[in-house]
Protein backbone atom coordinates (compact mmCIF):
# COMPACT_ATOMS: atom_id res chain seq x y z
CA MET A 1 4.34 -36.34 11.07
CA LYS A 2 3.82 -35.99 7.34
CA THR A 3 2.83 -32.54 6.09
CA THR A 4 0.90 -31.84 2.91
CA SER A 5 0.41 -28.77 0.80
CA ILE A 6 -2.99 -27.09 0.65
CA ASN A 7 -3.00 -27.97 -3.04
CA ASP A 8 -2.33 -31.66 -2.33
CA SER A 9 -5.60 -33.59 -2.20
CA SER A 10 -4.06 -36.94 -1.27
CA TRP A 11 -5.15 -36.34 2.29
CA THR A 12 -8.77 -36.80 1.20
CA VAL A 13 -8.04 -40.37 0.13
CA ASN A 14 -6.42 -41.01 3.50
CA LEU A 15 -9.43 -39.50 5.26
CA VAL A 16 -11.90 -41.66 3.33
CA GLU A 17 -9.86 -44.74 4.18
CA ALA A 18 -9.76 -43.74 7.84
CA VAL A 19 -13.52 -43.13 7.95
CA THR A 20 -14.13 -46.51 6.32
CA TYR A 21 -12.42 -48.24 9.23
CA LEU A 22 -14.24 -46.30 11.94
CA PRO A 23 -16.48 -48.43 14.13
CA ASP A 24 -19.30 -45.89 13.62
CA SER A 25 -22.54 -46.70 11.87
CA LEU A 26 -23.04 -45.98 8.19
CA PRO A 27 -24.99 -42.73 8.88
CA GLU A 28 -22.14 -41.53 11.11
CA LYS A 29 -19.55 -42.41 8.47
CA THR A 30 -21.67 -40.57 5.90
CA LYS A 31 -21.65 -37.46 8.09
CA HIS A 32 -17.85 -37.64 8.36
CA LEU A 33 -17.54 -37.93 4.60
CA GLU A 34 -19.97 -35.04 4.02
CA VAL A 35 -17.85 -32.85 6.29
CA ALA A 36 -14.72 -33.92 4.42
CA LEU A 37 -16.38 -33.17 1.08
CA ALA A 38 -17.41 -29.72 2.33
CA LEU A 39 -13.81 -29.12 3.38
CA VAL A 40 -12.54 -30.19 -0.04
CA LYS A 41 -15.01 -27.85 -1.76
CA THR A 42 -14.07 -24.96 0.51
CA THR A 43 -10.38 -25.58 -0.13
CA GLU A 44 -10.95 -25.66 -3.89
CA GLN A 45 -12.96 -22.43 -3.73
CA TYR A 46 -10.16 -20.80 -1.74
CA ASN A 47 -7.54 -21.99 -4.23
CA GLN A 48 -9.65 -20.79 -7.18
CA ALA A 49 -10.14 -17.38 -5.56
CA LYS A 50 -6.39 -17.15 -4.94
CA ARG A 51 -5.60 -18.04 -8.58
CA ASP A 52 -8.22 -15.55 -9.78
CA ASP A 53 -6.75 -12.82 -7.57
CA GLU A 54 -3.25 -13.50 -8.94
CA ARG A 55 -4.61 -13.41 -12.49
CA ARG A 56 -6.35 -10.08 -11.77
CA GLY A 57 -3.05 -8.65 -10.52
CA TYR A 58 -1.19 -9.72 -13.65
CA LEU A 59 -3.97 -8.39 -15.88
CA MET A 60 -4.00 -5.03 -14.08
CA GLN A 61 -0.23 -4.70 -14.47
CA ASP A 62 -0.50 -5.55 -18.15
CA ILE A 63 -3.35 -3.07 -18.62
CA MET A 64 -1.42 -0.29 -16.89
CA ARG A 65 1.58 -0.98 -19.14
CA LEU A 66 -0.63 -0.87 -22.23
CA ILE A 67 -2.35 2.33 -21.07
CA ASP A 68 1.08 3.90 -20.62
CA GLN A 69 2.24 2.75 -24.06
CA LEU A 70 -0.95 3.98 -25.71
CA LYS A 71 -0.76 7.25 -23.74
CA ILE A 72 -4.44 7.06 -22.79
CA PRO A 73 -5.43 10.09 -20.66
CA SER A 74 -6.53 9.28 -17.12
CA GLY A 75 -10.03 10.60 -17.84
CA ASN A 76 -10.46 7.94 -20.52
CA GLN A 77 -9.23 5.05 -18.38
CA ARG A 78 -11.65 2.53 -16.94
CA VAL A 79 -11.89 1.73 -13.24
CA LEU A 80 -9.96 -1.54 -13.10
CA LYS A 81 -10.81 -2.57 -9.54
CA ALA A 82 -14.52 -2.60 -10.35
CA MET A 83 -14.04 -4.98 -13.27
CA THR A 84 -14.38 -8.74 -13.16
CA THR A 85 -11.49 -10.92 -14.26
CA SER A 86 -13.19 -11.67 -17.58
CA GLN A 87 -13.79 -7.94 -18.14
CA LEU A 88 -10.13 -7.24 -17.36
CA ASP A 89 -9.12 -9.96 -19.78
CA ALA A 90 -11.31 -8.48 -22.53
CA TYR A 91 -10.04 -4.95 -21.82
CA ALA A 92 -6.40 -6.12 -21.96
CA GLU A 93 -7.13 -7.83 -25.28
CA ASP A 94 -8.77 -4.64 -26.59
CA LEU A 95 -5.76 -2.54 -25.52
CA ASN A 96 -3.37 -5.04 -27.09
CA GLN A 97 -5.31 -4.77 -30.34
CA GLN A 98 -5.20 -0.96 -30.14
CA LEU A 99 -1.44 -1.11 -29.61
CA LYS A 100 -1.00 -3.43 -32.60
CA ASN A 101 -3.14 -1.15 -34.75
CA SER A 102 -1.23 1.95 -33.66
CA SER A 103 2.08 0.16 -34.38
CA PHE A 104 0.89 -0.65 -37.91
CA LYS A 105 -0.12 2.99 -38.43
CA HIS A 106 3.35 4.16 -37.41
CA LEU A 107 4.94 1.66 -39.77
CA SER A 108 2.73 2.58 -42.72
CA VAL A 109 3.11 6.39 -42.41
CA PRO A 110 5.52 7.63 -45.13
């Protein structure tokens, strides 16, 4: 038996081909294909959520590193878990910019 990865969508082509050859009526075949399409959409949503969760983890690690480097007091830190991925991305960019600016200040001080 051939196994496929959850990220491999070639099984959908095989399913469509199999449904095409079913002796069922066109409405029945359509139902089968609708179920397959729903499964594909659900799988893609799951994969997207998984990628987003991984991205959030990396962003949070990066933010914590930047907070440590910038020595931001805990009272001034934002609640990371409540932030969306795009908010985390923007916050990480803001902290990176702060770190660059503080590095330039240290370099320019006589």
